[in-house]
Every structure is written in structure tokens, then in C-alpha cells.
N, C-alpha and C. Protein backbone atom coordinates (compact mmCIF):
# COMPACT_ATOMS: atom_id res chain seq x y z
N MET A 1 1.02 -0.94 -0.02
CA MET A 1 -0.12 0.36 -0.23
C MET A 1 1.22 1.18 0.25
N SER A 2 0.30 2.64 -0.75
CA SER A 2 1.15 3.34 -0.93
C SER A 2 0.98 4.67 0.65
N HIS A 3 1.48 4.96 1.17
CA HIS A 3 1.42 5.73 2.55
C HIS A 3 0.93 6.88 1.89
N LYS A 4 0.07 7.95 2.83
CA LYS A 4 0.13 9.30 2.21
C LYS A 4 1.56 10.23 3.18
N ARG A 5 1.56 10.75 2.67
CA ARG A 5 3.08 11.76 2.72
C ARG A 5 2.34 12.72 3.72
N VAL A 6 2.93 13.18 4.97
CA VAL A 6 2.54 14.06 6.17
C VAL A 6 3.90 14.71 6.40
N ALA A 7 3.30 15.76 5.95
CA ALA A 7 4.32 17.50 6.38
C ALA A 7 3.75 17.80 7.78
N ILE A 8 4.37 18.42 8.57
CA ILE A 8 4.68 18.25 10.18
C ILE A 8 5.27 19.95 10.17
N LEU A 9 4.77 20.62 10.45
CA LEU A 9 5.07 22.33 11.21
C LEU A 9 4.89 22.47 12.88
N VAL A 10 6.49 22.74 13.33
CA VAL A 10 6.44 23.36 14.46
C VAL A 10 7.11 24.68 14.86
N SER A 11 7.11 25.10 15.61
CA SER A 11 8.07 25.99 16.09
C SER A 11 8.77 25.90 17.16
N GLY A 12 8.78 24.98 17.97
CA GLY A 12 9.26 25.02 19.16
C GLY A 12 9.68 23.59 19.88
N GLY A 13 9.40 23.12 20.97
CA GLY A 13 10.11 21.26 20.90
C GLY A 13 9.38 20.14 20.41
N GLY A 14 8.63 20.60 19.87
CA GLY A 14 7.26 19.67 18.76
C GLY A 14 7.17 18.22 19.43
N SER A 15 6.65 18.49 21.04
CA SER A 15 6.29 17.59 21.52
C SER A 15 4.76 17.02 20.62
N ASN A 16 4.15 17.56 20.34
CA ASN A 16 3.01 16.98 19.20
C ASN A 16 3.52 16.30 18.28
N MET A 17 4.47 17.09 17.43
CA MET A 17 4.94 16.14 16.27
C MET A 17 5.37 14.91 16.70
N VAL A 18 5.87 14.98 17.91
CA VAL A 18 6.86 13.25 18.33
C VAL A 18 5.52 12.66 18.38
N SER A 19 4.62 12.64 19.04
CA SER A 19 3.51 12.39 18.91
C SER A 19 2.71 11.32 17.69
N LEU A 20 2.74 12.34 16.91
CA LEU A 20 2.44 12.24 15.77
C LEU A 20 3.15 10.86 14.68
N VAL A 21 4.93 11.45 14.77
CA VAL A 21 5.81 10.83 13.81
C VAL A 21 5.70 9.52 14.71
N ASP A 22 5.58 8.95 16.18
CA ASP A 22 5.77 7.65 16.98
C ASP A 22 4.75 6.99 16.14
N SER A 23 3.46 7.53 15.97
CA SER A 23 2.36 7.03 16.01
C SER A 23 2.11 6.55 14.16
N MET A 24 3.10 6.96 13.66
CA MET A 24 3.28 6.43 12.22
C MET A 24 4.12 5.29 11.83
N THR A 25 3.36 4.12 12.05
CA THR A 25 4.45 2.95 11.91
C THR A 25 3.63 1.81 12.12
N GLY A 26 3.77 0.48 11.09
CA GLY A 26 2.97 -0.54 10.98
C GLY A 26 1.53 -0.45 10.46
N ASP A 27 1.23 -0.64 10.60
CA ASP A 27 0.01 -0.96 9.29
C ASP A 27 -1.06 0.86 9.74
N HIS A 28 0.11 1.87 10.06
CA HIS A 28 -0.66 3.49 9.63
C HIS A 28 -0.62 3.58 8.46
N PRO A 29 -1.66 3.95 7.84
CA PRO A 29 -1.39 4.76 6.28
C PRO A 29 -0.81 5.49 5.96
N ALA A 30 -0.24 6.45 6.89
CA ALA A 30 0.47 7.67 6.96
C ALA A 30 2.03 7.12 7.24
N ARG A 31 3.71 8.13 6.12
CA ARG A 31 4.24 8.79 7.01
C ARG A 31 5.07 9.44 6.62
N PRO A 32 5.79 9.82 7.66
CA PRO A 32 6.21 11.96 7.60
C PRO A 32 7.31 11.29 6.49
N CYS A 33 6.97 12.80 6.00
CA CYS A 33 7.84 13.29 5.02
C CYS A 33 8.48 14.18 5.04
N LEU A 34 8.16 15.25 6.29
CA LEU A 34 9.01 16.79 6.28
C LEU A 34 8.75 17.18 7.71
N VAL A 35 9.46 17.61 8.61
CA VAL A 35 9.34 18.23 9.74
C VAL A 35 9.84 19.64 9.67
N LEU A 36 9.12 20.67 9.28
CA LEU A 36 9.85 22.21 8.89
C LEU A 36 9.19 23.33 10.26
N SER A 37 10.27 23.92 10.33
CA SER A 37 9.73 24.72 11.48
C SER A 37 10.42 26.25 10.97
N ASN A 38 9.70 27.48 11.52
CA ASN A 38 10.41 28.86 11.31
C ASN A 38 11.49 29.27 11.95
N ASP A 39 12.09 28.34 13.03
CA ASP A 39 13.07 28.40 13.86
C ASP A 39 13.81 27.59 13.78
N ALA A 40 15.07 27.97 13.13
CA ALA A 40 16.29 26.71 12.88
C ALA A 40 16.54 26.40 14.17
N LEU A 41 16.49 26.95 15.62
CA LEU A 41 16.85 26.26 16.70
C LEU A 41 15.57 25.23 17.50
N ALA A 42 14.45 25.30 16.94
CA ALA A 42 13.50 24.50 17.24
C ALA A 42 13.91 23.17 17.68
N GLY A 43 13.32 23.01 19.14
CA GLY A 43 13.66 21.75 19.46
C GLY A 43 13.47 20.45 18.48
N GLY A 44 12.13 20.63 18.13
CA GLY A 44 11.23 19.61 17.29
C GLY A 44 12.15 19.16 15.84
N LEU A 45 13.26 20.35 15.51
CA LEU A 45 13.94 19.94 14.40
C LEU A 45 14.90 18.65 14.67
N LYS A 46 15.34 19.04 15.99
CA LYS A 46 16.66 18.11 16.66
C LYS A 46 16.18 16.66 16.52
N LYS A 47 14.64 16.62 16.63
CA LYS A 47 14.12 14.71 17.52
C LYS A 47 13.42 14.57 16.02
N ALA A 48 13.16 15.47 14.95
CA ALA A 48 13.05 14.45 13.61
C ALA A 48 13.83 14.22 13.25
N ALA A 49 15.18 14.64 13.20
CA ALA A 49 16.32 14.61 12.85
C ALA A 49 16.92 13.21 13.22
N GLY A 50 16.88 13.28 14.52
CA GLY A 50 17.16 11.92 15.41
C GLY A 50 16.01 10.61 14.97
N ARG A 51 14.97 11.31 14.05
CA ARG A 51 14.14 9.72 13.89
C ARG A 51 14.08 9.79 12.61
N GLY A 52 15.34 10.26 12.08
CA GLY A 52 15.88 9.98 10.15
C GLY A 52 14.78 11.06 9.33
N ILE A 53 13.95 11.78 9.69
CA ILE A 53 13.08 12.35 9.14
C ILE A 53 13.22 13.90 8.63
N PRO A 54 13.22 14.56 7.03
CA PRO A 54 13.74 15.36 6.90
C PRO A 54 13.81 16.32 7.49
N THR A 55 14.16 17.30 7.41
CA THR A 55 13.67 19.21 8.08
C THR A 55 14.27 19.99 7.22
N ALA A 56 13.84 20.89 7.60
CA ALA A 56 14.24 22.47 7.00
C ALA A 56 13.34 23.11 7.72
N ALA A 57 14.04 24.93 7.45
CA ALA A 57 13.55 25.68 8.47
C ALA A 57 13.57 26.95 7.64
N VAL A 58 12.53 27.98 7.73
CA VAL A 58 12.95 29.64 7.32
C VAL A 58 12.67 30.44 8.09
N ASP A 59 13.43 30.94 8.72
CA ASP A 59 13.22 32.00 9.47
C ASP A 59 12.21 32.94 9.15
N HIS A 60 11.03 33.43 10.15
CA HIS A 60 10.21 34.19 9.66
C HIS A 60 10.93 35.80 10.10
N ARG A 61 11.98 35.71 10.92
CA ARG A 61 12.35 37.03 11.17
C ARG A 61 12.89 38.25 10.04
N PRO A 62 13.87 37.46 9.03
CA PRO A 62 14.02 38.40 8.55
C PRO A 62 13.25 39.38 7.62
N PHE A 63 12.15 38.07 7.22
CA PHE A 63 10.86 38.92 6.43
C PHE A 63 9.86 39.88 7.06
N LYS A 64 10.19 40.36 8.02
CA LYS A 64 9.69 41.48 9.03
C LYS A 64 8.22 41.83 8.19
N GLY A 65 7.44 40.63 9.09
CA GLY A 65 5.64 40.71 8.88
C GLY A 65 5.53 41.00 7.42
N ASP A 66 6.54 40.59 6.61
CA ASP A 66 5.73 40.21 5.14
C ASP A 66 5.18 38.93 4.97
N ARG A 67 4.25 39.07 5.38
CA ARG A 67 3.84 37.48 5.57
C ARG A 67 3.83 36.59 3.81
N ALA A 68 3.69 36.97 3.16
CA ALA A 68 3.45 36.86 1.90
C ALA A 68 4.76 36.05 1.19
N ALA A 69 5.97 36.93 1.40
CA ALA A 69 7.31 36.82 1.02
C ALA A 69 7.46 35.18 1.83
N PHE A 70 7.75 35.56 3.15
CA PHE A 70 7.62 34.17 4.32
C PHE A 70 7.09 32.63 3.63
N GLU A 71 5.79 32.70 3.61
CA GLU A 71 5.41 32.00 3.15
C GLU A 71 5.18 31.23 1.66
N ALA A 72 5.98 32.70 0.84
CA ALA A 72 6.26 31.86 -0.75
C ALA A 72 7.95 31.28 -0.37
N GLU A 73 8.25 31.35 0.69
CA GLU A 73 10.07 30.66 1.07
C GLU A 73 9.49 29.26 1.78
N LEU A 74 8.38 29.44 2.43
CA LEU A 74 8.23 28.54 3.50
C LEU A 74 7.34 27.10 2.23
N LEU A 75 6.87 27.72 1.11
CA LEU A 75 6.28 26.72 0.44
C LEU A 75 7.63 25.66 -0.20
N LYS A 76 8.38 26.35 -0.60
CA LYS A 76 9.33 25.66 -1.20
C LYS A 76 9.91 24.13 -0.52
N PRO A 77 10.22 24.38 0.71
CA PRO A 77 10.50 22.57 0.99
C PRO A 77 9.37 21.80 1.61
N LEU A 78 8.09 22.70 1.24
CA LEU A 78 6.66 21.91 1.62
C LEU A 78 6.30 21.39 0.44
N GLN A 79 6.62 21.86 -0.82
CA GLN A 79 6.38 21.46 -2.36
C GLN A 79 7.46 20.59 -2.62
N ASP A 80 8.41 20.44 -2.39
CA ASP A 80 9.74 19.38 -2.49
C ASP A 80 9.18 18.50 -1.91
N ALA A 81 8.51 18.18 -0.79
CA ALA A 81 8.16 17.12 0.33
C ALA A 81 7.09 16.41 -0.72
N LYS A 82 5.87 17.24 -1.41
CA LYS A 82 4.98 16.60 -1.97
C LYS A 82 4.03 15.98 -0.80
N PRO A 83 3.67 16.56 0.23
CA PRO A 83 2.64 15.76 0.99
C PRO A 83 1.36 16.03 0.68
N ASP A 84 1.01 15.07 1.39
CA ASP A 84 -0.66 14.47 0.99
C ASP A 84 -1.31 15.44 2.02
N ILE A 85 -0.74 15.57 3.50
CA ILE A 85 -1.35 15.88 4.28
C ILE A 85 -0.56 16.81 5.44
N VAL A 86 -0.94 17.97 5.71
CA VAL A 86 -0.16 19.06 6.42
C VAL A 86 -0.84 19.23 7.70
N CYS A 87 0.42 19.01 8.74
CA CYS A 87 0.01 18.91 10.22
C CYS A 87 0.60 20.12 10.77
N LEU A 88 -0.15 21.47 11.28
CA LEU A 88 0.40 22.02 12.03
C LEU A 88 0.30 21.81 13.67
N ALA A 89 1.65 21.37 14.40
CA ALA A 89 1.77 21.07 15.56
C ALA A 89 2.62 22.32 16.14
N GLY A 90 1.57 22.85 17.07
CA GLY A 90 2.47 24.20 17.53
C GLY A 90 3.33 25.42 16.71
N PHE A 91 2.73 25.03 15.60
CA PHE A 91 3.44 26.32 14.66
C PHE A 91 2.77 27.52 15.24
N MET A 92 3.58 28.48 15.22
CA MET A 92 3.00 30.18 15.81
C MET A 92 3.20 30.89 15.06
N ARG A 93 3.08 30.69 13.80
CA ARG A 93 2.83 31.92 12.80
C ARG A 93 1.33 32.04 12.35
N VAL A 94 0.65 32.84 12.21
CA VAL A 94 -0.57 33.00 11.06
C VAL A 94 -0.51 32.94 9.78
N LEU A 95 -1.00 31.79 9.51
CA LEU A 95 -0.84 31.80 8.14
C LEU A 95 -1.89 32.57 7.10
N THR A 96 -2.08 32.72 6.00
CA THR A 96 -2.94 33.36 5.18
C THR A 96 -3.93 33.17 4.81
N GLY A 97 -4.46 33.20 4.17
CA GLY A 97 -5.87 32.48 3.27
C GLY A 97 -5.06 31.91 1.81
N ASP A 98 -4.00 32.75 1.25
CA ASP A 98 -3.94 32.40 0.02
C ASP A 98 -3.23 30.99 0.15
N PHE A 99 -2.34 30.75 1.80
CA PHE A 99 -1.31 29.65 2.08
C PHE A 99 -1.82 28.71 2.21
N VAL A 100 -3.00 28.90 3.02
CA VAL A 100 -4.25 27.77 2.98
C VAL A 100 -4.96 27.22 2.50
N SER A 101 -5.55 28.45 1.65
CA SER A 101 -5.98 27.63 0.12
C SER A 101 -5.46 26.42 -0.34
N ARG A 102 -4.10 26.20 -0.49
CA ARG A 102 -2.95 25.87 -0.94
C ARG A 102 -3.69 24.43 -0.71
N PHE A 103 -3.66 24.22 0.46
CA PHE A 103 -3.79 22.97 1.29
C PHE A 103 -5.07 22.33 2.21
N GLN A 104 -6.23 23.22 0.77
CA GLN A 104 -7.12 23.24 1.72
C GLN A 104 -7.96 21.67 1.65
N GLY A 105 -8.39 21.14 3.46
CA GLY A 105 -9.28 19.93 2.89
C GLY A 105 -8.04 18.93 3.50
N ARG A 106 -6.93 19.49 3.68
CA ARG A 106 -5.65 18.53 3.55
C ARG A 106 -4.84 19.15 5.08
N MET A 107 -5.09 19.92 5.30
CA MET A 107 -4.07 20.64 6.20
C MET A 107 -5.48 20.61 8.09
N LEU A 108 -4.70 20.29 8.89
CA LEU A 108 -5.15 19.87 10.02
C LEU A 108 -3.98 20.88 10.99
N ASN A 109 -4.65 20.99 12.41
CA ASN A 109 -4.14 22.06 13.61
C ASN A 109 -4.78 21.23 14.49
N ILE A 110 -3.94 21.49 15.63
CA ILE A 110 -4.54 21.39 17.38
C ILE A 110 -4.35 22.58 18.05
N HIS A 111 -5.28 22.51 19.06
CA HIS A 111 -5.38 23.99 19.50
C HIS A 111 -6.28 23.77 21.13
N PRO A 112 -5.51 24.33 22.01
CA PRO A 112 -6.04 23.87 23.10
C PRO A 112 -6.91 24.33 23.84
N SER A 113 -7.85 24.04 23.36
CA SER A 113 -9.56 24.82 24.07
C SER A 113 -10.45 23.65 23.21
N LEU A 114 -12.02 23.70 23.34
CA LEU A 114 -13.13 23.34 23.15
C LEU A 114 -13.68 24.12 21.83
N LEU A 115 -12.95 23.85 20.89
CA LEU A 115 -13.58 25.05 20.00
C LEU A 115 -14.87 24.68 19.61
N PRO A 116 -15.49 25.62 19.27
CA PRO A 116 -15.59 27.13 19.02
C PRO A 116 -15.34 28.06 19.85
N LYS A 117 -14.99 27.22 21.56
CA LYS A 117 -14.60 28.49 22.77
C LYS A 117 -13.01 28.67 22.54
N TYR A 118 -12.55 30.15 22.83
CA TYR A 118 -11.17 30.52 23.10
C TYR A 118 -10.14 30.38 22.09
N LYS A 119 -10.78 30.95 20.95
CA LYS A 119 -9.61 31.10 19.37
C LYS A 119 -8.20 31.76 20.05
N GLY A 120 -7.60 31.67 19.41
CA GLY A 120 -6.34 32.34 19.68
C GLY A 120 -5.52 31.72 20.94
N LEU A 121 -4.81 32.81 21.82
CA LEU A 121 -3.99 32.47 23.05
C LEU A 121 -4.72 32.32 24.19
N HIS A 122 -3.84 31.89 25.03
CA HIS A 122 -4.38 31.76 26.49
C HIS A 122 -5.37 31.34 26.85
N THR A 123 -5.48 30.25 26.26
CA THR A 123 -7.01 29.53 26.24
C THR A 123 -6.95 29.38 27.64
N HIS A 124 -5.72 28.10 28.32
CA HIS A 124 -5.80 27.85 29.74
C HIS A 124 -6.86 28.74 30.99
N ALA A 125 -5.81 29.93 30.77
CA ALA A 125 -6.19 30.79 31.56
C ALA A 125 -7.68 31.38 31.63
N ARG A 126 -8.33 31.64 30.35
CA ARG A 126 -9.72 32.45 29.86
C ARG A 126 -10.35 31.42 30.28
N ALA A 127 -10.55 29.90 30.38
CA ALA A 127 -11.12 29.00 30.54
C ALA A 127 -11.45 28.40 32.18
N ILE A 128 -10.28 28.98 32.73
CA ILE A 128 -10.36 29.05 33.97
C ILE A 128 -11.34 30.14 34.90
N GLU A 129 -10.67 31.58 34.21
CA GLU A 129 -11.09 32.90 34.86
C GLU A 129 -13.11 32.50 34.26
N ALA A 130 -13.40 31.96 33.11
CA ALA A 130 -14.94 32.01 32.97
C ALA A 130 -15.74 30.96 33.78
N GLY A 131 -14.94 30.28 34.85
CA GLY A 131 -15.47 29.16 35.48
C GLY A 131 -16.25 27.82 35.03
N ASP A 132 -15.03 27.73 33.95
CA ASP A 132 -16.09 26.60 32.98
C ASP A 132 -15.48 24.80 34.02
N ALA A 133 -16.54 24.17 34.04
CA ALA A 133 -15.95 23.00 34.42
C ALA A 133 -14.89 22.18 33.82
N ASP A 134 -15.16 22.09 32.27
CA ASP A 134 -14.67 21.18 31.22
C ASP A 134 -13.60 22.05 30.44
N HIS A 135 -12.36 22.09 29.84
CA HIS A 135 -11.29 22.74 29.14
C HIS A 135 -10.89 21.26 28.31
N GLY A 136 -10.10 21.62 27.14
CA GLY A 136 -9.46 20.33 26.42
C GLY A 136 -8.71 20.79 25.38
N CYS A 137 -8.69 20.27 24.18
CA CYS A 137 -8.01 20.27 23.24
C CYS A 137 -8.92 20.28 21.76
N THR A 138 -8.73 20.44 20.68
CA THR A 138 -9.31 20.42 19.40
C THR A 138 -8.54 20.45 18.46
N VAL A 139 -8.70 19.02 17.27
CA VAL A 139 -8.12 19.26 15.80
C VAL A 139 -9.12 19.35 15.17
N HIS A 140 -8.89 20.49 14.23
CA HIS A 140 -9.56 20.77 12.96
C HIS A 140 -9.04 20.93 11.58
N GLU A 141 -9.73 20.80 10.62
CA GLU A 141 -9.17 20.91 9.33
C GLU A 141 -8.75 22.71 9.25
N VAL A 142 -7.75 22.88 9.03
CA VAL A 142 -7.63 24.74 8.63
C VAL A 142 -8.14 25.00 7.42
N THR A 143 -8.68 26.09 7.88
CA THR A 143 -9.72 27.28 7.10
C THR A 143 -8.79 28.69 7.11
N ALA A 144 -9.37 29.92 6.37
CA ALA A 144 -8.62 30.83 5.94
C ALA A 144 -9.06 31.93 7.41
N ALA A 145 -9.36 31.13 7.92
CA ALA A 145 -10.21 31.98 9.87
C ALA A 145 -9.11 30.92 10.73
N LEU A 146 -8.88 32.03 11.78
CA LEU A 146 -8.09 31.50 12.78
C LEU A 146 -9.16 30.71 13.45
N ASP A 147 -8.60 29.75 13.87
CA ASP A 147 -8.84 28.23 14.97
C ASP A 147 -10.40 28.39 14.24
N ASP A 148 -10.46 27.93 13.03
CA ASP A 148 -11.74 27.66 12.59
C ASP A 148 -11.75 26.70 11.76
N GLY A 149 -12.89 26.15 10.86
CA GLY A 149 -12.51 24.88 10.25
C GLY A 149 -13.50 23.82 10.93
N PRO A 150 -13.64 22.57 10.15
CA PRO A 150 -14.79 21.34 10.64
C PRO A 150 -13.57 21.06 11.82
N ILE A 151 -14.49 20.47 12.55
CA ILE A 151 -13.51 19.50 13.83
C ILE A 151 -13.43 18.57 13.23
N LEU A 152 -12.20 17.81 13.69
CA LEU A 152 -12.36 16.77 13.52
C LEU A 152 -11.96 15.53 15.13
N GLY A 153 -11.51 16.20 15.84
CA GLY A 153 -11.32 15.72 16.76
C GLY A 153 -11.48 16.61 18.47
N GLN A 154 -11.88 15.84 19.41
CA GLN A 154 -12.22 16.68 20.74
C GLN A 154 -11.80 15.62 21.93
N ALA A 155 -10.47 16.14 22.95
CA ALA A 155 -10.71 15.59 23.94
C ALA A 155 -11.35 16.55 25.13
N ARG A 156 -11.49 16.17 25.84
CA ARG A 156 -12.44 17.29 27.22
C ARG A 156 -11.77 16.54 28.49
N VAL A 157 -11.27 17.58 29.53
CA VAL A 157 -10.40 17.50 30.54
C VAL A 157 -11.23 18.44 31.59
N HIS A 158 -11.31 17.78 32.56
CA HIS A 158 -12.00 18.27 33.93
C HIS A 158 -11.29 19.50 34.89
N ILE A 159 -12.00 20.63 34.77
CA ILE A 159 -10.84 21.84 35.20
C ILE A 159 -11.16 21.50 36.68
N GLU A 160 -9.79 21.58 37.58
CA GLU A 160 -9.57 21.05 39.43
C GLU A 160 -10.07 22.54 39.70
N ALA A 161 -10.71 22.15 40.84
CA ALA A 161 -10.53 23.09 41.62
C ALA A 161 -9.01 23.76 42.35
N GLY A 162 -8.50 25.04 42.03
CA GLY A 162 -7.64 25.41 42.61
C GLY A 162 -6.08 25.30 40.99
N ASP A 163 -6.79 24.83 39.59
CA ASP A 163 -6.16 24.35 38.90
C ASP A 163 -5.17 26.29 38.60
N THR A 164 -4.03 25.86 38.25
CA THR A 164 -3.38 27.59 37.81
C THR A 164 -3.42 27.04 36.37
N PRO A 165 -3.42 27.99 35.39
CA PRO A 165 -3.16 27.62 34.06
C PRO A 165 -2.07 26.50 33.47
N GLU A 166 -1.07 26.38 34.30
CA GLU A 166 0.23 26.03 34.22
C GLU A 166 -0.63 24.51 34.03
N ASP A 167 -1.11 23.93 35.02
CA ASP A 167 -1.41 22.69 36.10
C ASP A 167 -2.53 22.37 34.71
N LEU A 168 -3.29 23.03 34.49
CA LEU A 168 -4.38 22.75 33.32
C LEU A 168 -3.52 22.35 31.65
N ALA A 169 -3.06 23.56 31.56
CA ALA A 169 -1.93 23.15 30.32
C ALA A 169 -1.43 21.64 30.23
N ALA A 170 -0.74 21.27 31.35
CA ALA A 170 -0.05 19.79 31.29
C ALA A 170 -0.62 18.73 31.13
N ARG A 171 -2.12 19.02 32.09
CA ARG A 171 -3.24 17.80 31.56
C ARG A 171 -3.61 17.86 30.24
N VAL A 172 -3.98 18.95 29.90
CA VAL A 172 -4.37 19.03 28.21
C VAL A 172 -3.57 18.47 27.28
N LEU A 173 -1.90 18.87 27.54
CA LEU A 173 -1.10 18.36 26.53
C LEU A 173 -0.74 17.12 26.55
N LEU A 174 -1.61 16.13 27.48
CA LEU A 174 -1.09 14.45 27.73
C LEU A 174 -2.58 14.72 26.91
N TRP A 175 -3.57 14.88 26.47
CA TRP A 175 -4.47 14.24 25.71
C TRP A 175 -4.45 14.60 24.04
N GLU A 176 -3.51 15.94 24.11
CA GLU A 176 -3.38 16.69 22.61
C GLU A 176 -2.50 15.21 22.30
N HIS A 177 -1.55 14.71 22.94
CA HIS A 177 -0.73 13.74 22.05
C HIS A 177 -1.08 12.41 22.32
N LYS A 178 -2.55 12.07 22.67
CA LYS A 178 -3.71 10.87 22.04
C LYS A 178 -4.56 11.73 21.10
N LEU A 179 -5.07 12.85 20.86
CA LEU A 179 -6.22 13.24 20.79
C LEU A 179 -5.42 13.00 18.70
N TYR A 180 -4.34 13.68 18.83
CA TYR A 180 -3.59 14.32 17.28
C TYR A 180 -3.45 12.82 16.93
N PRO A 181 -2.58 11.97 16.98
CA PRO A 181 -2.35 10.94 16.51
C PRO A 181 -3.66 10.33 16.08
N ALA A 182 -4.66 10.04 16.87
CA ALA A 182 -5.94 9.24 16.32
C ALA A 182 -6.64 9.59 15.30
N VAL A 183 -6.69 11.01 15.31
CA VAL A 183 -7.43 11.68 14.71
C VAL A 183 -6.80 11.85 12.98
N LEU A 184 -5.27 11.67 12.92
CA LEU A 184 -4.61 11.79 11.77
C LEU A 184 -4.86 10.39 11.25
N ARG A 185 -4.51 9.68 12.12
CA ARG A 185 -4.79 8.05 11.27
C ARG A 185 -6.25 7.66 10.52
N ARG A 186 -7.29 7.94 11.28
CA ARG A 186 -8.79 8.59 10.86
C ARG A 186 -8.92 9.19 9.59
N PHE A 187 -7.98 10.23 9.48
CA PHE A 187 -8.06 11.12 8.48
C PHE A 187 -7.29 10.69 7.38
N ALA A 188 -6.08 10.00 7.68
CA ALA A 188 -5.70 9.36 6.49
C ALA A 188 -5.94 8.36 5.90
N GLU A 189 -6.89 7.61 6.28
CA GLU A 189 -8.13 6.61 6.10
C GLU A 189 -9.08 7.18 5.20
N GLY A 190 -9.22 8.63 5.35
CA GLY A 190 -10.60 8.74 4.44
C GLY A 190 -11.60 9.06 5.43
N ASN A 191 -11.54 9.01 6.65
CA ASN A 191 -12.55 9.27 7.73
C ASN A 191 -12.50 10.73 7.65
N LYS A 192 -13.64 11.34 7.97
CA LYS A 192 -13.74 12.62 9.01
C LYS A 192 -14.49 12.49 10.08
N THR A 193 -14.98 11.13 10.35
CA THR A 193 -16.15 11.38 11.55
C THR A 193 -15.33 11.64 12.65
N PRO A 194 -15.56 12.46 13.63
CA PRO A 194 -15.05 13.52 14.68
C PRO A 194 -14.26 11.87 15.89
N VAL A 195 -13.36 12.02 16.51
CA VAL A 195 -12.47 11.49 17.31
C VAL A 195 -13.18 12.20 19.04
N LEU A 196 -13.94 11.66 19.39
CA LEU A 196 -13.92 11.98 21.02
C LEU A 196 -13.97 11.14 22.00
N LEU A 197 -12.45 11.89 22.87
CA LEU A 197 -12.16 11.74 24.06
C LEU A 197 -12.32 11.85 25.17
N PRO A 198 -12.07 12.00 26.44
CA PRO A 198 -11.72 10.18 26.48
C PRO A 198 -13.19 9.32 26.23
């Protein structure tokens, strides 16, 4: 069987990338073809290289806010890798609609909230401040709108009394590492039925 090719974009340590890569073995329908970062020093690149996965970096800083120019450079290693699926895993640059449209229906992202709640940043603090009983993470298809797009999976985490944003973030991350691989596998099989955990 020919495997689906998966490119993963990271900005930092790449813990979600590692959980995705390590899941793509055996009878999994996909294999990693590239780990790409906007920071040449991102820890995720070293982890990917250690697993024998091709890596590339395009530093966003020299582009000084010219997103179109940055994305044109970002596209080069991506297009060379010919991915079937693109996974954003802690990629901290907002991508333009023009870039996203090239991978429409093939680009996934993980976000640390139960979307549509808490798009954007500081999700854990916002959930605690709102007095929510539950928080969690969502994997969704990427569209031009930030943290929007069809939901492909969610994991729910109970907010405990006395939780700090850091406590909550750590618990949610454990579920991110379970949810994202489960969604990727199902998505690579051509199934968009949402994965709901636990």
C-alpha cells in the first residue's frame, strides 16, 4: 500500500510532532515526509532529525512582517516534500488564506481549547477565569479563519478546583498527544468522523 505523506510544521520543542511521528508505524496509512519550522533552533527539528525525518527551517524574522514573502519561502521545502497531509503542531505563525487554500481539506491543526470556545492564545487561563467545568483540545481542518474549520476531534479535560493555567495546560497536553495521532490516522484513512476522547 502506498502511504500518505505527512509534513509537520513546528515552532518549538515539537512534543505533538513526536507523538504524530511515533504513531506513524506498522499498519498506519501515513508516514512523515518533512518536519518544517520557522525557527532553525526549534527543538522539534533535532528530534525529527534523530528519527531520520527530513527537516527544513525558514526563519520568519528576516521577512519583517511580510507574510507573503515568508510563506513563499515556506512553500518551497513543502512543495518539494509533496505532502498529502500537512499538520500544524505548535506552529506559531498565522498563515494567510492564500497559503491555507493551497492545502484546503488537507491541513490539520491542534488547538488547546474546546473550539469554538477560546480561539487564539491564553486558552487555559481564559477557561479557568470563565469558571468552566471542562476544557480540552481540538483538532480541526485549517481554513482561512483563525482556529476555525471543521472539527475532527476533541478531548475533554475536567478543570479541578485550584488549577493554575500551567496545571491545566500540562493535563491538556497529555490528551493532545493522544488525540492528534488518533485523528491523523482516521483522516489518513479518508474518515472525517470526529474522534471524541476520553
